[in-house]
Protein backbone atom coordinates (compact mmCIF):
# COMPACT_ATOMS: atom_id res chain seq x y z
CA MET A 1 -5.51 -7.78 2.06
CA ILE A 2 -2.33 -5.91 2.91
CA ASN A 3 0.63 -7.52 4.65
CA TRP A 4 0.91 -4.81 7.33
CA LYS A 5 3.38 -6.83 9.43
CA VAL A 6 5.95 -6.78 6.64
CA ARG A 7 5.23 -3.22 5.58
CA PHE A 8 5.87 -1.91 9.09
CA LYS A 9 9.22 -3.74 9.13
CA ASN A 10 10.29 -1.71 6.09
CA PRO A 11 11.90 1.64 7.06
CA GLN A 12 11.17 3.05 3.61
CA PHE A 13 7.44 2.41 4.04
CA LEU A 14 7.50 3.98 7.52
CA ALA A 15 9.21 7.11 6.19
CA GLN A 16 6.78 7.25 3.28
CA LEU A 17 3.82 6.97 5.65
CA VAL A 18 5.12 9.68 8.02
CA LEU A 19 5.74 12.02 5.08
CA ALA A 20 2.31 11.18 3.65
CA VAL A 21 0.76 12.48 6.88
CA LEU A 22 3.03 15.44 7.60
CA THR A 23 3.63 16.92 4.15
CA PRO A 24 0.01 17.87 3.33
CA ILE A 25 -0.44 19.34 6.82
CA ILE A 26 2.71 21.43 6.64
CA ALA A 27 2.04 22.54 3.06
CA TYR A 28 -1.57 23.55 3.78
CA MET A 29 -0.49 25.63 6.76
CA GLY A 30 2.30 27.29 4.78
CA LEU A 31 5.01 25.96 7.06
CA THR A 32 8.35 24.32 6.45
CA PHE A 33 9.89 21.52 8.49
CA GLU A 34 12.21 24.15 9.99
CA ASP A 35 9.17 25.88 11.54
CA LEU A 36 8.55 22.83 13.74
CA THR A 37 11.24 23.54 16.30
CA THR A 38 9.49 22.35 19.48
CA TRP A 39 7.12 19.55 20.40
CA ILE A 40 4.57 22.16 21.51
CA VAL A 41 4.53 23.78 18.05
CA PHE A 42 4.36 20.34 16.44
CA GLY A 43 1.43 19.35 18.68
CA ASP A 44 -0.40 22.61 17.93
CA VAL A 45 0.00 22.02 14.19
CA LEU A 46 -1.36 18.47 14.52
CA LEU A 47 -4.35 19.69 16.58
CA GLN A 48 -5.13 22.34 13.96
CA ALA A 49 -4.92 19.69 11.24
CA ILE A 50 -7.21 17.27 13.07
CA SER A 51 -9.86 19.97 13.41
CA ASN A 52 -9.80 20.78 9.67
CA PRO A 53 -11.78 18.36 7.46
CA TYR A 54 -10.06 19.58 4.29
CA VAL A 55 -6.61 18.84 5.70
CA LEU A 56 -7.79 15.42 6.89
CA GLY A 57 -8.99 14.75 3.35
CA LEU A 58 -5.59 15.72 1.95
CA VAL A 59 -3.89 13.42 4.46
CA ALA A 60 -6.25 10.56 3.59
CA VAL A 61 -5.48 10.86 -0.13
CA SER A 62 -1.76 11.07 0.60
CA VAL A 63 -1.84 7.98 2.85
CA TYR A 64 -3.89 6.10 0.24
CA ASN A 65 -1.20 6.88 -2.34
CA ALA A 66 1.52 5.70 0.05
CA VAL A 67 -0.26 2.43 0.89
CA SER A 68 -1.58 1.39 -2.50
CA ASP A 69 0.53 -0.85 -4.73
CA PRO A 70 0.14 0.23 -8.35
CA THR A 71 1.31 -3.20 -9.56
CA THR A 72 -1.76 -4.98 -8.16
CA GLU A 73 -5.47 -4.56 -8.69
CA GLY A 74 -7.29 -2.78 -5.89
CA LEU A 75 -5.68 -2.03 -2.55
CA SER A 76 -4.39 -5.49 -1.67
CA ASP A 77 -0.86 -6.82 -1.92
CA SER A 78 -0.03 -9.55 -4.41
CA VAL A 79 -0.50 -13.18 -3.40
CA GLN A 80 3.30 -13.52 -3.31
CA ALA A 81 3.75 -10.44 -1.09
CA LEU A 82 1.20 -11.80 1.38
CA THR A 83 3.50 -14.77 2.05
CA TYR A 84 6.49 -12.63 3.09
CA ASP A 85 7.62 -12.48 6.72
CA THR A 86 10.14 -9.71 6.04
CA PRO A 87 10.45 -7.19 3.21
CA LYS A 88 11.81 -8.73 0.03
CA LYS A 89 15.40 -7.74 -0.65
CA LYS A 90 16.55 -6.66 -4.08
CA GLY A 91 17.78 -9.68 -6.02
CA ASP A 92 15.72 -12.25 -4.05
CA ALA A 93 13.80 -14.67 -6.24
């Protein structure tokens, strides 16, 4: 089980998740972030990505890497992390 409530309260996780989706799409299409200058261009890029199974596979692997916790077995959070209501701050016991 993953403590999604706490993960989505963590800005670092949100940034990691957004980059996990966008980076493989942009890299596959040979673009840079500077090429996405309008919402129309951004939408077109996302539509092209959704219609490409290879790109969706790249995104899935990237999201898996962003979500998985290498300090626990499998995909779930630790028993301790499942009890959190907010992200643990550095130095908390």
